[in-house]
Amino acid sequence: QVQLVESGGGSVQAGGSLRLSCQASGRTFSTYMSWFRQAPGKEREFVAAISWSLYSSYYADSVKGRFTISRDNAKSTVDLQMNSLKPEDTAVYYCAAGNGGLYYRTSAYNYWGQGTQVTVSS
């Protein structure tokens, strides 16, 4: 079992920055650690992923160049630095851990955090 707890959400004006953090506990080895988001009335969508062992990272086109995913193996944390935020980034952001499948699909993840709200005003 893996437990994931997100923190760092909040409200910010467009152009601002936020940093989300995900603390993992339990059996923390996973192929990928990722961030997804879900806006009201929309499906959960992939934001960014990082390979736990190979240090590779992946981003949705909509956040590429603005968001950066990083991880600290010693602390079992995965962070998402979000810069140049836009109103369309408003969503609940979820941390996820998975051991296989396509990293951008929700079906690849076995464990999810409870989510943290990010609100960007124009």
C-alpha atoms as a PDB file:
ATOM      1  CA  GLN A   1       0.000   0.000   0.000  1.00  0.00           C
ATOM      2  CA  VAL A   2       1.065   3.540  -0.766  1.00  0.00           C
ATOM      3  CA  GLN A   3      -0.367   6.632   0.855  1.00  0.00           C
ATOM      4  CA  LEU A   4      -0.116   9.966  -0.914  1.00  0.00           C
ATOM      5  CA  VAL A   5      -0.776  13.353   0.639  1.00  0.00           C
ATOM      6  CA  GLU A   6      -0.708  16.554  -1.417  1.00  0.00           C
ATOM      7  CA  SER A   7      -0.096  20.049  -0.109  1.00  0.00           C
ATOM      8  CA  GLY A   8       0.640  23.504  -1.446  1.00  0.00           C
ATOM      9  CA  GLY A   9      -2.523  24.379  -3.317  1.00  0.00           C
ATOM     10  CA  GLY A  10      -4.126  27.775  -3.046  1.00  0.00           C
ATOM     11  CA  SER A  11      -5.281  30.856  -4.916  1.00  0.00           C
ATOM     12  CA  VAL A  12      -3.058  33.008  -7.095  1.00  0.00           C
ATOM     13  CA  GLN A  13      -3.406  35.614  -9.779  1.00  0.00           C
ATOM     14  CA  ALA A  14      -2.589  34.858 -13.391  1.00  0.00           C
ATOM     15  CA  GLY A  15       1.137  34.925 -13.976  1.00  0.00           C
ATOM     16  CA  GLY A  16       1.881  33.822 -10.422  1.00  0.00           C
ATOM     17  CA  SER A  17       3.488  30.659  -9.111  1.00  0.00           C
ATOM     18  CA  LEU A  18       2.626  27.812  -6.775  1.00  0.00           C
ATOM     19  CA  ARG A  19       4.523  24.760  -5.649  1.00  0.00           C
ATOM     20  CA  LEU A  20       2.683  21.526  -4.932  1.00  0.00           C
ATOM     21  CA  SER A  21       4.202  18.748  -2.886  1.00  0.00           C
ATOM     22  CA  CYS A  22       3.236  15.095  -2.601  1.00  0.00           C
ATOM     23  CA  GLN A  23       4.419  13.074   0.381  1.00  0.00           C
ATOM     24  CA  ALA A  24       4.447   9.309  -0.193  1.00  0.00           C
ATOM     25  CA  SER A  25       4.503   6.720   2.565  1.00  0.00           C
ATOM     26  CA  GLY A  26       4.227   2.980   2.784  1.00  0.00           C
ATOM     27  CA  ARG A  27       5.602   0.809  -0.010  1.00  0.00           C
ATOM     28  CA  THR A  28       6.835   3.766  -2.017  1.00  0.00           C
ATOM     29  CA  PHE A  29       8.601   2.136  -4.937  1.00  0.00           C
ATOM     30  CA  SER A  30       6.692   3.014  -8.098  1.00  0.00           C
ATOM     31  CA  THR A  31       7.623   3.159 -11.745  1.00  0.00           C
ATOM     32  CA  TYR A  32       6.099   6.593 -12.123  1.00  0.00           C
ATOM     33  CA  MET A  33       4.973   9.368  -9.852  1.00  0.00           C
ATOM     34  CA  SER A  34       2.698  11.843 -11.529  1.00  0.00           C
ATOM     35  CA  TRP A  35       0.405  14.805 -11.229  1.00  0.00           C
ATOM     36  CA  PHE A  36      -3.041  14.915 -12.757  1.00  0.00           C
ATOM     37  CA  ARG A  37      -5.704  17.585 -12.520  1.00  0.00           C
ATOM     38  CA  GLN A  38      -9.446  17.768 -12.804  1.00  0.00           C
ATOM     39  CA  ALA A  39     -11.453  20.897 -13.490  1.00  0.00           C
ATOM     40  CA  PRO A  40     -15.204  21.066 -12.744  1.00  0.00           C
ATOM     41  CA  GLY A  41     -17.182  19.185 -15.346  1.00  0.00           C
ATOM     42  CA  LYS A  42     -14.073  17.787 -17.027  1.00  0.00           C
ATOM     43  CA  GLU A  43     -12.233  14.505 -16.996  1.00  0.00           C
ATOM     44  CA  ARG A  44      -9.068  14.042 -14.990  1.00  0.00           C
ATOM     45  CA  GLU A  45      -6.102  14.891 -17.204  1.00  0.00           C
ATOM     46  CA  PHE A  46      -2.398  14.196 -17.151  1.00  0.00           C
ATOM     47  CA  VAL A  47      -0.101  17.053 -16.136  1.00  0.00           C
ATOM     48  CA  ALA A  48       3.388  15.667 -15.491  1.00  0.00           C
ATOM     49  CA  ALA A  49       5.174  12.426 -14.623  1.00  0.00           C
ATOM     50  CA  ILE A  50       8.591  11.465 -13.375  1.00  0.00           C
ATOM     51  CA  SER A  51      10.266   8.097 -13.512  1.00  0.00           C
ATOM     52  CA  TRP A  52      11.279   6.992 -10.055  1.00  0.00           C
ATOM     53  CA  SER A  53      14.460   5.258 -11.172  1.00  0.00           C
ATOM     54  CA  LEU A  54      15.482   6.830 -14.471  1.00  0.00           C
ATOM     55  CA  TYR A  55      14.985  10.485 -13.674  1.00  0.00           C
ATOM     56  CA  SER A  56      12.967  10.947 -16.879  1.00  0.00           C
ATOM     57  CA  SER A  57      10.144  13.480 -16.813  1.00  0.00           C
ATOM     58  CA  TYR A  58       7.168  14.059 -19.064  1.00  0.00           C
ATOM     59  CA  TYR A  59       4.719  16.919 -19.448  1.00  0.00           C
ATOM     60  CA  ALA A  60       1.381  17.672 -21.027  1.00  0.00           C
ATOM     61  CA  ASP A  61       1.732  20.134 -23.899  1.00  0.00           C
ATOM     62  CA  SER A  62      -0.438  22.623 -22.039  1.00  0.00           C
ATOM     63  CA  VAL A  63       2.071  22.964 -19.181  1.00  0.00           C
ATOM     64  CA  LYS A  64       5.378  22.353 -20.934  1.00  0.00           C
ATOM     65  CA  GLY A  65       7.824  25.161 -20.230  1.00  0.00           C
ATOM     66  CA  ARG A  66       5.786  26.430 -17.272  1.00  0.00           C
ATOM     67  CA  PHE A  67       5.640  23.469 -14.874  1.00  0.00           C
ATOM     68  CA  THR A  68       8.512  21.413 -13.519  1.00  0.00           C
ATOM     69  CA  ILE A  69       8.198  18.069 -11.764  1.00  0.00           C
ATOM     70  CA  SER A  70      10.908  16.903  -9.395  1.00  0.00           C
ATOM     71  CA  ARG A  71      11.372  14.261  -6.765  1.00  0.00           C
ATOM     72  CA  ASP A  72      13.446  13.566  -3.685  1.00  0.00           C
ATOM     73  CA  ASN A  73      13.929   9.846  -3.154  1.00  0.00           C
ATOM     74  CA  ALA A  74      15.311  10.290   0.349  1.00  0.00           C
ATOM     75  CA  LYS A  75      12.217  12.188   1.465  1.00  0.00           C
ATOM     76  CA  SER A  76       9.752  10.252  -0.732  1.00  0.00           C
ATOM     77  CA  THR A  77       8.356  13.472  -2.109  1.00  0.00           C
ATOM     78  CA  VAL A  78       7.367  14.623  -5.573  1.00  0.00           C
ATOM     79  CA  ASP A  79       6.935  18.325  -6.213  1.00  0.00           C
ATOM     80  CA  LEU A  80       5.313  20.300  -8.996  1.00  0.00           C
ATOM     81  CA  GLN A  81       6.587  23.836  -9.482  1.00  0.00           C
ATOM     82  CA  MET A  82       3.995  25.796 -11.421  1.00  0.00           C
ATOM     83  CA  ASN A  83       5.003  29.121 -12.947  1.00  0.00           C
ATOM     84  CA  SER A  84       3.208  31.557 -15.252  1.00  0.00           C
ATOM     85  CA  LEU A  85      -0.117  30.197 -14.079  1.00  0.00           C
ATOM     86  CA  LYS A  86      -3.199  30.764 -16.204  1.00  0.00           C
ATOM     87  CA  PRO A  87      -6.894  30.726 -15.294  1.00  0.00           C
ATOM     88  CA  GLU A  88      -7.232  27.505 -17.285  1.00  0.00           C
ATOM     89  CA  ASP A  89      -4.853  25.835 -14.825  1.00  0.00           C
ATOM     90  CA  THR A  90      -7.589  26.055 -12.199  1.00  0.00           C
ATOM     91  CA  ALA A  91      -8.389  22.522 -11.027  1.00  0.00           C
ATOM     92  CA  VAL A  92      -7.990  20.014  -8.253  1.00  0.00           C
ATOM     93  CA  TYR A  93      -4.513  18.557  -8.571  1.00  0.00           C
ATOM     94  CA  TYR A  94      -3.889  14.932  -7.695  1.00  0.00           C
ATOM     95  CA  CYS A  95      -0.693  13.058  -7.013  1.00  0.00           C
ATOM     96  CA  ALA A  96      -0.577   9.485  -8.315  1.00  0.00           C
ATOM     97  CA  ALA A  97       1.737   6.490  -8.080  1.00  0.00           C
ATOM     98  CA  GLY A  98       1.805   3.597 -10.534  1.00  0.00           C
ATOM     99  CA  ASN A  99       3.844   0.595 -11.597  1.00  0.00           C
ATOM    100  CA  GLY A 100       3.018   0.126 -15.254  1.00  0.00           C
ATOM    101  CA  GLY A 101       1.076   1.184 -18.287  1.00  0.00           C
ATOM    102  CA  LEU A 102       1.097   4.443 -20.168  1.00  0.00           C
ATOM    103  CA  TYR A 103       2.143   7.214 -17.807  1.00  0.00           C
ATOM    104  CA  TYR A 104      -0.408   9.689 -19.181  1.00  0.00           C
ATOM    105  CA  ARG A 105      -3.394   7.412 -18.554  1.00  0.00           C
ATOM    106  CA  THR A 106      -5.206   7.345 -15.212  1.00  0.00           C
ATOM    107  CA  SER A 107      -5.493   3.560 -15.587  1.00  0.00           C
ATOM    108  CA  ALA A 108      -1.725   3.243 -15.093  1.00  0.00           C
ATOM    109  CA  TYR A 109      -1.974   4.392 -11.482  1.00  0.00           C
ATOM    110  CA  ASN A 110      -2.923   2.354  -8.454  1.00  0.00           C
ATOM    111  CA  TYR A 111      -2.709   5.023  -5.794  1.00  0.00           C
ATOM    112  CA  TRP A 112      -4.083   8.546  -5.614  1.00  0.00           C
ATOM    113  CA  GLY A 113      -3.929  11.385  -3.145  1.00  0.00           C
ATOM    114  CA  GLN A 114      -6.976  13.273  -1.960  1.00  0.00           C
ATOM    115  CA  GLY A 115      -6.247  16.276  -4.185  1.00  0.00           C
ATOM    116  CA  THR A 116      -5.415  19.918  -3.577  1.00  0.00           C
ATOM    117  CA  GLN A 117      -7.258  22.885  -5.069  1.00  0.00           C
ATOM    118  CA  VAL A 118      -5.450  25.369  -7.303  1.00  0.00           C
ATOM    119  CA  THR A 119      -7.363  28.477  -8.308  1.00  0.00           C
ATOM    120  CA  VAL A 120      -5.924  31.022 -10.738  1.00  0.00           C
ATOM    121  CA  SER A 121      -7.774  34.303 -11.161  1.00  0.00           C
ATOM    122  CA  SER A 122      -7.463  36.628 -14.115  1.00  0.00           C
END
